[in-house]
Amino acid sequence: MTPNTVSRVRRVGADAPIATVIREEAAAGRSVDVVPAGDDKAESLRLFAEVLRFPAYFGNNLDALADSLGTYADRQRDDWSLIWDGTRFLRSADPATFEAILAVLGDVAADHPRMHVTVVER
């Protein structure tokens, strides 16, 4: 992740209840999308595609995630929040995938100022 993208991703620990995180984002006037983390790269990418309704031709790789997430962000008219929830297992089991997805989220958020990202590490 490049230095300018680090500040675009907020990370909260297991002590932050997901309902509280969602309420905080909604109270800030943002629409909220919650994407659960998968147990591995394939499941994580599938969950992003499913929750955010990426097109059927989604390529199931990190480049496709960046492209589809960027397109999704382009369509948002107001501030919105993407919450990536339950990442602790993925971070532990496959740190390279966790960091790669985190980098994609940070890069896309850096290019889309209305996008706010929260990673819930529970």
Protein backbone atom coordinates (compact mmCIF):
# COMPACT_ATOMS: atom_id res chain seq x y z
CA MET A 1 0.00 0.00 0.00
CA THR A 2 1.39 3.39 -0.89
CA PRO A 3 1.63 6.02 1.87
CA ASN A 4 -1.25 8.11 0.52
CA THR A 5 -3.64 5.15 0.66
CA VAL A 6 -2.92 4.17 4.25
CA SER A 7 -4.93 7.10 5.60
CA ARG A 8 -7.90 6.16 3.39
CA VAL A 9 -8.53 2.90 5.26
CA ARG A 10 -9.66 2.85 8.87
CA ARG A 11 -8.91 -0.35 10.76
CA VAL A 12 -10.81 -1.31 13.89
CA GLY A 13 -10.30 -4.29 16.16
CA ALA A 14 -12.46 -7.09 17.41
CA ASP A 15 -13.74 -4.91 20.25
CA ALA A 16 -15.69 -2.76 17.76
CA PRO A 17 -19.16 -4.30 17.31
CA ILE A 18 -20.14 -4.32 13.65
CA ALA A 19 -23.50 -2.72 14.46
CA THR A 20 -21.69 0.22 16.06
CA VAL A 21 -19.39 0.64 13.05
CA ILE A 22 -22.38 0.63 10.69
CA ARG A 23 -24.27 3.14 12.85
CA GLU A 24 -21.25 5.48 12.96
CA GLU A 25 -20.93 5.44 9.19
CA ALA A 26 -24.66 5.98 8.67
CA ALA A 27 -24.65 8.81 11.24
CA ALA A 28 -21.94 10.49 9.16
CA GLY A 29 -24.47 10.57 6.30
CA ARG A 30 -22.96 7.73 4.29
CA SER A 31 -24.65 4.80 2.65
CA VAL A 32 -23.05 1.58 3.87
CA ASP A 33 -22.06 -1.66 2.16
CA VAL A 34 -20.76 -4.49 4.34
CA VAL A 35 -18.64 -7.16 2.68
CA PRO A 36 -17.68 -10.16 4.80
CA ALA A 37 -14.16 -11.47 4.46
CA GLY A 38 -13.77 -14.97 3.15
CA ASP A 39 -11.51 -17.70 4.44
CA ASP A 40 -9.24 -17.39 1.39
CA LYS A 41 -8.63 -15.24 -1.67
CA ALA A 42 -11.20 -16.94 -3.91
CA GLU A 43 -13.98 -16.71 -1.34
CA SER A 44 -13.11 -13.10 -0.46
CA LEU A 45 -13.25 -12.03 -4.10
CA ARG A 46 -16.51 -13.94 -4.60
CA LEU A 47 -18.04 -12.14 -1.61
CA PHE A 48 -17.03 -8.71 -2.92
CA ALA A 49 -18.59 -9.60 -6.28
CA GLU A 50 -21.75 -10.97 -4.68
CA VAL A 51 -22.40 -8.19 -2.18
CA LEU A 52 -21.55 -5.33 -4.55
CA ARG A 53 -23.23 -7.04 -7.52
CA PHE A 54 -20.24 -6.95 -9.83
CA PRO A 55 -20.96 -7.98 -13.42
CA ALA A 56 -21.07 -11.67 -14.35
CA TYR A 57 -17.77 -11.30 -16.21
CA PHE A 58 -15.93 -10.33 -13.00
CA GLY A 59 -12.48 -11.91 -13.34
CA ASN A 60 -11.99 -13.18 -9.76
CA ASN A 61 -8.54 -11.63 -9.37
CA LEU A 62 -7.15 -8.51 -7.70
CA ASP A 63 -7.05 -6.47 -10.91
CA ALA A 64 -10.71 -7.27 -11.51
CA LEU A 65 -11.48 -6.30 -7.91
CA ALA A 66 -9.77 -2.93 -8.42
CA ASP A 67 -11.56 -2.31 -11.72
CA SER A 68 -15.02 -3.39 -10.54
CA LEU A 69 -14.70 -1.60 -7.22
CA GLY A 70 -13.59 1.56 -9.05
CA THR A 71 -16.62 1.33 -11.34
CA TYR A 72 -18.88 0.77 -8.33
CA ALA A 73 -17.34 3.80 -6.60
CA ASP A 74 -17.82 5.91 -9.74
CA ARG A 75 -21.57 5.21 -9.59
CA GLN A 76 -21.95 6.49 -6.03
CA ARG A 77 -23.43 9.98 -6.00
CA ASP A 78 -22.77 10.73 -2.32
CA ASP A 79 -20.32 9.71 0.37
CA TRP A 80 -20.47 6.00 1.05
CA SER A 81 -18.76 3.51 3.28
CA LEU A 82 -17.39 0.09 2.46
CA ILE A 83 -16.96 -2.04 5.56
CA TRP A 84 -14.84 -5.17 5.11
CA ASP A 85 -15.90 -7.26 8.06
CA GLY A 86 -14.42 -10.25 9.86
CA THR A 87 -10.92 -10.14 8.40
CA ARG A 88 -9.00 -11.68 11.31
CA PHE A 89 -9.00 -15.26 9.98
CA LEU A 90 -7.93 -14.22 6.47
CA ARG A 91 -5.22 -11.96 7.91
CA SER A 92 -3.88 -14.90 9.93
CA ALA A 93 -4.32 -17.69 7.36
CA ASP A 94 -3.21 -15.76 4.27
CA PRO A 95 -1.52 -12.48 5.17
CA ALA A 96 -0.43 -11.85 1.58
CA THR A 97 -4.03 -11.93 0.35
CA PHE A 98 -5.21 -9.80 3.25
CA GLU A 99 -2.57 -7.15 2.53
CA ALA A 100 -3.22 -7.28 -1.22
CA ILE A 101 -6.96 -6.71 -0.80
CA LEU A 102 -6.24 -3.99 1.76
CA ALA A 103 -3.98 -2.30 -0.80
CA VAL A 104 -6.69 -2.47 -3.47
CA LEU A 105 -9.21 -0.93 -1.09
CA GLY A 106 -6.78 1.85 -0.18
CA ASP A 107 -5.87 2.56 -3.80
CA VAL A 108 -9.50 2.71 -4.95
CA ALA A 109 -10.44 4.91 -1.99
CA ALA A 110 -7.54 7.24 -2.79
CA ASP A 111 -8.98 7.69 -6.28
CA HIS A 112 -12.55 8.18 -5.01
CA PRO A 113 -12.76 10.79 -2.25
CA ARG A 114 -16.41 9.96 -1.46
CA MET A 115 -15.41 6.38 -0.59
CA HIS A 116 -14.68 5.57 3.05
CA VAL A 117 -13.24 2.17 3.95
CA THR A 118 -13.34 0.48 7.35
CA VAL A 119 -11.71 -2.89 7.95
CA VAL A 120 -13.09 -4.73 10.96
CA GLU A 121 -10.47 -7.14 12.25
CA ARG A 122 -12.61 -9.53 14.25
